[in-house]
Amino acid sequence: MNKNQIFSAIKRGFEISGINALSMAASSPSVNKALQEMIDEQR
């Protein structure tokens, strides 16, 4: 694996776990809406 592949794998893993953690912690509807838009853009 080159450095870019390793970095993108780490970044992807962080985004997945980070979004899940943020959406659990976020009680504000506007924050949840912004997170949902981010998730939709990833697909």
Protein backbone atom coordinates (compact mmCIF):
# COMPACT_ATOMS: atom_id res chain seq x y z
CA MET A 1 0.00 0.00 0.00
CA ASN A 2 1.25 3.46 -0.76
CA LYS A 3 0.80 6.42 1.56
CA ASN A 4 -2.32 7.68 -0.22
CA GLN A 5 -4.11 4.34 0.08
CA ILE A 6 -3.28 4.11 3.79
CA PHE A 7 -4.38 7.71 4.36
CA SER A 8 -7.68 7.28 2.51
CA ALA A 9 -8.42 4.04 4.40
CA ILE A 10 -7.80 5.77 7.73
CA LYS A 11 -9.82 8.79 6.61
CA ARG A 12 -12.74 6.60 5.51
CA GLY A 13 -12.72 4.68 8.79
CA PHE A 14 -12.60 7.92 10.77
CA GLU A 15 -15.47 9.42 8.76
CA ILE A 16 -17.65 6.35 9.34
CA SER A 17 -16.97 6.11 13.10
CA GLY A 18 -16.92 9.90 13.49
CA ILE A 19 -20.28 10.39 11.80
CA ASN A 20 -21.84 7.63 13.92
CA ALA A 21 -20.43 9.13 17.13
CA LEU A 22 -21.51 12.64 16.15
CA SER A 23 -25.03 11.58 15.19
CA MET A 24 -25.43 9.78 18.54
CA ALA A 25 -24.15 12.83 20.41
CA ALA A 26 -26.09 15.39 18.37
CA SER A 27 -29.57 16.08 19.69
CA SER A 28 -30.07 19.22 17.60
CA PRO A 29 -32.23 18.60 14.49
CA SER A 30 -30.19 21.06 12.44
CA VAL A 31 -26.97 19.21 13.30
CA ASN A 32 -28.58 15.89 12.43
CA LYS A 33 -29.82 17.34 9.14
CA ALA A 34 -26.32 18.58 8.25
CA LEU A 35 -24.83 15.18 9.14
CA GLN A 36 -27.45 13.42 7.03
CA GLU A 37 -26.57 15.63 4.05
CA MET A 38 -22.87 14.78 4.54
CA ILE A 39 -23.70 11.06 4.65
CA ASP A 40 -25.83 11.34 1.51
CA GLU A 41 -22.96 13.05 -0.34
CA GLN A 42 -20.59 10.20 0.58
CA ARG A 43 -22.76 7.62 -1.21
